[in-house]
Amino acid sequence: MDIVLTMSGYIFNIPLPFFGLPRRQMARVRIYSGWEFDQVQNQRIRIRLKAFDHRLIDASTQEIVDTAKRTGAQVRGPIPLPTRKERFTILVSPHVNKDARDQYEIRTHKRMLDIVEPTEKTVDALMKLDLAAGVEVQISLG
C-alpha cells in the first residue's frame, strides 16, 4: 500500500481485492482525526525526500530520524541518492554574439530512509511532524 503526500491531503492506494492477500501483507487503515494501522510483522515505512537545498533536506531527514528513534523504531539510513543536475544555457545577446551565454543549474538532492518495525507511536509522531517548506516527502508502506 502506498501513501503519497500531496499538498491537498493524502491519497491511499489500497490493493484490491483485499480477500486474496495473506494476513501479513494487509494493513488496516482507519481515517478519523488521523489514521492508524495494525502492526504486522515485516512492516516497513520507506520515506523519500527531495529538495533543492541540501541543508534543508539534511535537517528534515535528521528531524525524521530523531522522531522515529525517540518512539522506539529502528531506522536504516538516511541514504543519499544521486543528485539530479539540470543545466540551462541562455543567450545573453538578443541578436548576435553567440559566444555570450549564461549557464544556470538546478540541483535536486534526494535522500531515502527506511523505518523498520514501526509502532503506532512512530506513525502518529511522523504524521504530526511539521517539516520545512521546500521538501517533497513521499511515504510508502511495504
Protein backbone atom coordinates (compact mmCIF):
# COMPACT_ATOMS: atom_id res chain seq x y z
CA MET A 1 0.00 0.00 0.00
CA ASP A 2 1.41 3.38 -0.97
CA ILE A 3 0.68 6.68 0.73
CA VAL A 4 1.62 9.70 -1.35
CA LEU A 5 1.72 13.06 0.42
CA THR A 6 0.32 15.86 -1.69
CA MET A 7 -0.41 19.50 -0.97
CA SER A 8 -4.15 18.81 -0.78
CA GLY A 9 -4.03 15.79 1.54
CA TYR A 10 -3.39 12.06 1.36
CA ILE A 11 -4.01 9.58 -1.41
CA PHE A 12 -4.37 5.95 -0.32
CA ASN A 13 -3.75 3.24 -2.92
CA ILE A 14 -5.15 0.03 -1.40
CA PRO A 15 -4.66 -3.20 -3.37
CA LEU A 16 -7.93 -4.84 -4.45
CA PRO A 17 -9.27 -7.43 -3.98
CA PHE A 18 -8.38 -7.47 -0.29
CA PHE A 19 -9.57 -11.04 0.23
CA GLY A 20 -6.80 -12.80 -1.71
CA LEU A 21 -3.91 -11.31 0.26
CA PRO A 22 -2.09 -13.11 3.10
CA ARG A 23 -2.60 -11.60 6.56
CA ARG A 24 0.99 -10.34 6.88
CA GLN A 25 0.63 -8.17 3.75
CA MET A 26 -2.58 -6.45 4.79
CA ALA A 27 -2.69 -3.23 6.75
CA ARG A 28 -5.97 -1.87 8.06
CA VAL A 29 -6.33 1.88 7.61
CA ARG A 30 -8.85 3.96 9.56
CA ILE A 31 -9.38 7.63 8.83
CA TYR A 32 -10.75 9.69 11.71
CA SER A 33 -8.81 12.62 13.17
CA GLY A 34 -5.65 10.94 11.86
CA TRP A 35 -5.04 7.33 10.90
CA GLU A 36 -3.71 4.15 12.43
CA PHE A 37 -2.76 0.73 11.19
CA ASP A 38 -2.39 -2.75 12.63
CA GLN A 39 1.26 -3.51 13.13
CA VAL A 40 2.16 -6.55 11.05
CA GLN A 41 5.40 -8.49 11.02
CA ASN A 42 7.91 -7.36 8.39
CA GLN A 43 6.23 -3.94 8.19
CA ARG A 44 8.43 -1.15 6.84
CA ILE A 45 7.93 2.53 6.08
CA ARG A 46 10.07 3.94 3.27
CA ILE A 47 10.43 7.72 3.17
CA ARG A 48 11.89 9.55 0.17
CA LEU A 49 12.77 13.23 0.39
CA LYS A 50 13.56 15.69 -2.42
CA ALA A 51 14.70 19.31 -2.15
CA PHE A 52 16.77 21.90 -3.99
CA ASP A 53 18.69 22.93 -0.86
CA HIS A 54 20.92 20.22 0.64
CA ARG A 55 20.96 21.84 4.10
CA LEU A 56 17.17 21.83 4.21
CA ILE A 57 16.88 18.17 3.22
CA ASP A 58 19.57 17.14 5.73
CA ALA A 59 17.79 19.00 8.55
CA SER A 60 14.43 17.43 7.62
CA THR A 61 15.98 13.97 7.42
CA GLN A 62 17.61 14.38 10.82
CA GLU A 63 14.28 15.50 12.29
CA ILE A 64 12.55 12.37 10.94
CA VAL A 65 15.34 10.10 12.23
CA ASP A 66 15.22 11.67 15.71
CA THR A 67 11.43 11.33 15.85
CA ALA A 68 11.50 7.68 14.78
CA LYS A 69 14.27 6.73 17.22
CA ARG A 70 12.53 8.55 20.07
CA THR A 71 9.42 6.37 19.57
CA GLY A 72 11.42 3.13 19.57
CA ALA A 73 11.62 2.26 15.87
CA GLN A 74 14.74 1.16 14.03
CA VAL A 75 15.94 3.47 11.26
CA ARG A 76 18.05 2.49 8.27
CA GLY A 77 19.59 5.46 6.56
CA PRO A 78 19.48 8.24 5.54
CA ILE A 79 20.79 7.01 2.21
CA PRO A 80 21.89 9.78 -0.17
CA LEU A 81 20.57 9.10 -3.67
CA PRO A 82 22.15 10.57 -6.82
CA THR A 83 21.66 14.32 -7.25
CA ARG A 84 19.83 15.34 -10.42
CA LYS A 85 21.52 18.26 -12.19
CA GLU A 86 19.58 20.22 -14.79
CA ARG A 87 21.61 22.72 -16.80
CA PHE A 88 20.21 25.54 -18.91
CA THR A 89 22.14 27.72 -21.36
CA ILE A 90 20.68 31.07 -22.38
CA LEU A 91 21.94 33.52 -25.00
CA VAL A 92 22.60 36.90 -23.39
CA SER A 93 22.57 38.93 -26.58
CA PRO A 94 19.20 39.39 -28.31
CA HIS A 95 20.61 39.32 -31.87
CA VAL A 96 24.27 38.39 -32.41
CA ASN A 97 27.24 37.32 -30.23
CA LYS A 98 26.58 33.64 -29.84
CA ASP A 99 29.65 33.46 -27.61
CA ALA A 100 27.91 35.50 -24.89
CA ARG A 101 25.91 32.96 -22.89
CA ASP A 102 24.79 32.43 -19.32
CA GLN A 103 24.57 28.96 -17.82
CA TYR A 104 22.27 28.03 -14.96
CA GLU A 105 21.97 24.82 -12.98
CA ILE A 106 19.28 23.39 -10.71
CA ARG A 107 20.28 20.52 -8.41
CA THR A 108 17.66 18.22 -6.91
CA HIS A 109 19.02 16.45 -3.83
CA LYS A 110 17.39 13.17 -2.77
CA ARG A 111 17.50 11.10 0.41
CA MET A 112 15.85 7.82 1.37
CA LEU A 113 15.37 6.17 4.73
CA ASP A 114 13.59 3.06 5.97
CA ILE A 115 11.80 2.77 9.30
CA VAL A 116 11.77 -0.90 10.26
CA GLU A 117 9.05 -2.30 12.54
CA PRO A 118 7.25 0.99 13.27
CA THR A 119 4.88 1.26 16.20
CA GLU A 120 1.66 3.25 16.39
CA LYS A 121 3.56 5.94 18.30
CA THR A 122 6.00 6.20 15.40
CA VAL A 123 3.25 6.65 12.83
CA ASP A 124 1.42 9.23 14.98
CA ALA A 125 4.64 11.18 15.61
CA LEU A 126 5.55 11.17 11.91
CA MET A 127 2.07 12.37 10.91
CA LYS A 128 2.28 15.27 13.38
CA LEU A 129 5.79 16.20 12.25
CA ASP A 130 5.99 19.61 10.58
CA LEU A 131 8.80 19.69 8.01
CA ALA A 132 10.22 22.75 6.30
CA ALA A 133 8.64 24.13 3.14
CA GLY A 134 10.51 23.16 0.00
CA VAL A 135 10.93 19.48 0.90
CA GLU A 136 8.88 16.94 -1.05
CA VAL A 137 8.04 13.86 1.02
CA GLN A 138 6.88 10.52 -0.36
CA ILE A 139 5.91 7.76 2.07
CA SER A 140 5.28 4.13 1.13
CA LEU A 141 4.35 1.18 3.34
CA GLY A 142 5.69 -2.20 2.38
